[in-house]
Every structure is written in structure tokens, then in C-alpha cells.
Amino acid sequence: MTALSSFGADVPIPTPAETAARLKSGDAVLIDVREPSEWAETGVAEPAVLLAMSDLRASREQWKPFLEKNHDKTLLLMCRSGNRSGQVAALLAKEGYKTVNVGAFAAWKAASLPVRKP
């Protein structure tokens, strides 16, 4: 694991390989919280669910049914740099969800893990 300084504390960030292994267990789901234009520009992690942070902070049109369905799973959150995913992880943790900030999509891609077009 690497560390990411967020909100004044060092928060452990799992490596992309650790994240991929966690997904195979079936008790976690990977969520990319970037915006649709970012997904289109760079691609997304193959197993990622695409739920923009902007929707979470607004109507939750896409987030609400997803959270209801996955309440018992650990939410592994990813974005461009790890900043937004950290904010989403903190927000959802306050609402009672199990969350992990897995950091940057670029790290996933650099680890040669599967990527797809949105």
C-alpha cells in the first residue's frame, strides 16, 4: 500500500494489484467517480461502475439505486488523482458505508490492469 495525504492524515491507498484482488472476492465494487468527459478521454478500469461525484452531490439519480443495491459491499473509490475519491469515501463512510479510496485511475492503467471505453 502507498499513502496519500488527505484531510491532514496519511490514509493507506491499496496498490492496483491489491484492488484487483479485492474485487475478485466479490465483497467489493470499484467505482470511478470522475466525470463522463474524463471517462471518455482516458477510458476506465474494466470492472468499474461509473458514478460521477457530481451526481452524488446533487440528485443522486444514479447513486441512490446503486447504494441501495450494494449497501453490504465495500465501495472501492477511484478518480483522476485520489482527491475526489477520498472526498466521496469520507462522505459515504459518514453515511454508514464501508469505503476505501483506491486512488488514481492512472495507477490502475500503469499496472497494465484491464481498461475499457465507457
Protein backbone atom coordinates (compact mmCIF):
# COMPACT_ATOMS: atom_id res chain seq x y z
CA MET A 1 0.00 0.00 0.00
CA THR A 2 1.05 3.56 -0.59
CA ALA A 3 -0.02 6.54 1.46
CA LEU A 4 -1.94 9.57 0.30
CA SER A 5 -2.12 12.67 2.42
CA SER A 6 -5.78 13.60 2.61
CA PHE A 7 -7.56 15.87 5.04
CA GLY A 8 -4.38 16.17 7.11
CA ALA A 9 -3.89 12.44 7.65
CA ASP A 10 -1.97 9.72 5.87
CA VAL A 11 -4.55 7.33 4.51
CA PRO A 12 -3.34 3.99 3.14
CA ILE A 13 -4.10 3.50 -0.55
CA PRO A 14 -4.12 -0.10 -1.81
CA THR A 15 -1.99 -0.87 -4.84
CA PRO A 16 -3.84 -1.54 -8.09
CA ALA A 17 -2.99 -5.24 -7.74
CA GLU A 18 -4.46 -5.27 -4.21
CA THR A 19 -7.59 -3.55 -5.52
CA ALA A 20 -7.98 -6.08 -8.37
CA ALA A 21 -7.57 -8.98 -5.91
CA ARG A 22 -10.17 -7.46 -3.59
CA LEU A 23 -12.67 -7.26 -6.46
CA LYS A 24 -12.27 -10.98 -7.18
CA SER A 25 -13.54 -11.80 -3.69
CA GLY A 26 -16.97 -10.46 -4.63
CA ASP A 27 -17.40 -8.43 -1.43
CA ALA A 28 -16.33 -5.14 -3.01
CA VAL A 29 -17.19 -2.99 -6.00
CA LEU A 30 -14.98 -0.49 -7.84
CA ILE A 31 -16.49 2.93 -8.57
CA ASP A 32 -14.95 5.61 -10.80
CA VAL A 33 -16.20 8.98 -9.51
CA ARG A 34 -14.76 11.11 -12.31
CA GLU A 35 -17.00 12.93 -14.77
CA PRO A 36 -18.23 11.45 -18.10
CA SER A 37 -15.87 13.64 -20.15
CA GLU A 38 -12.92 12.23 -18.18
CA TRP A 39 -14.09 8.65 -18.70
CA ALA A 40 -14.34 9.28 -22.45
CA GLU A 41 -10.90 10.90 -22.57
CA THR A 42 -8.89 8.24 -20.72
CA GLY A 43 -11.02 5.11 -20.62
CA VAL A 44 -11.99 3.40 -17.36
CA ALA A 45 -10.98 0.37 -15.33
CA GLU A 46 -12.70 -2.69 -16.83
CA PRO A 47 -14.61 -3.63 -13.65
CA ALA A 48 -15.53 -0.06 -12.63
CA VAL A 49 -19.05 1.20 -12.14
CA LEU A 50 -19.24 4.77 -13.45
CA LEU A 51 -20.89 7.12 -10.95
CA ALA A 52 -19.88 10.77 -11.12
CA MET A 53 -19.18 12.65 -7.92
CA SER A 54 -21.35 15.50 -9.25
CA ASP A 55 -24.41 13.19 -9.17
CA LEU A 56 -23.62 12.13 -5.59
CA ARG A 57 -23.55 15.77 -4.51
CA ALA A 58 -26.75 16.63 -6.39
CA SER A 59 -29.82 14.49 -7.08
CA ARG A 60 -28.14 11.07 -6.60
CA GLU A 61 -30.20 9.84 -9.54
CA GLN A 62 -27.61 7.16 -10.35
CA TRP A 63 -26.06 6.81 -6.90
CA LYS A 64 -29.25 6.11 -4.92
CA PRO A 65 -30.24 2.80 -6.57
CA PHE A 66 -26.61 1.69 -6.68
CA LEU A 67 -26.09 2.36 -2.96
CA GLU A 68 -29.33 0.58 -2.04
CA LYS A 69 -28.25 -2.48 -4.01
CA ASN A 70 -24.64 -2.52 -2.72
CA HIS A 71 -25.05 -1.41 0.90
CA ASP A 72 -23.28 -4.51 2.25
CA LYS A 73 -20.28 -4.29 -0.08
CA THR A 74 -17.08 -2.34 0.37
CA LEU A 75 -17.02 0.60 -2.03
CA LEU A 76 -13.60 0.99 -3.66
CA LEU A 77 -13.45 4.55 -4.99
CA MET A 78 -11.21 5.82 -7.79
CA CYS A 79 -10.75 9.14 -9.60
CA ARG A 80 -8.04 11.03 -11.51
CA SER A 81 -5.67 11.73 -8.61
CA GLY A 82 -7.23 10.26 -5.47
CA ASN A 83 -8.60 13.57 -4.19
CA ARG A 84 -12.25 13.29 -5.27
CA SER A 85 -12.36 9.58 -4.45
CA GLY A 86 -11.11 10.45 -0.97
CA GLN A 87 -13.87 13.03 -0.56
CA VAL A 88 -16.51 10.55 -1.72
CA ALA A 89 -15.07 7.84 0.57
CA ALA A 90 -15.27 10.19 3.57
CA LEU A 91 -18.81 11.32 2.73
CA LEU A 92 -20.15 7.79 2.24
CA ALA A 93 -18.34 6.50 5.33
CA LYS A 94 -20.21 9.13 7.37
CA GLU A 95 -23.43 7.68 5.90
CA GLY A 96 -22.52 4.20 7.13
CA TYR A 97 -20.93 2.64 4.04
CA LYS A 98 -17.66 0.71 4.04
CA THR A 99 -15.34 2.68 1.79
CA VAL A 100 -11.75 2.60 0.55
CA ASN A 101 -10.06 5.30 -1.51
CA VAL A 102 -8.05 3.33 -4.09
CA GLY A 103 -6.60 6.48 -5.64
CA ALA A 104 -5.84 7.29 -9.25
CA PHE A 105 -7.08 5.62 -12.42
CA ALA A 106 -3.63 6.29 -13.93
CA ALA A 107 -2.10 3.88 -11.40
CA TRP A 108 -4.56 1.16 -12.46
CA LYS A 109 -3.69 1.75 -16.12
CA ALA A 110 0.07 1.89 -15.41
CA ALA A 111 -0.20 -1.51 -13.68
CA SER A 112 -1.46 -2.94 -17.01
CA LEU A 113 -4.81 -3.89 -15.49
CA PRO A 114 -7.81 -4.13 -17.87
CA VAL A 115 -9.20 -0.86 -19.23
CA ARG A 116 -12.28 -0.26 -21.39
CA LYS A 117 -14.01 2.58 -23.21
CA PRO A 118 -17.08 3.87 -21.33
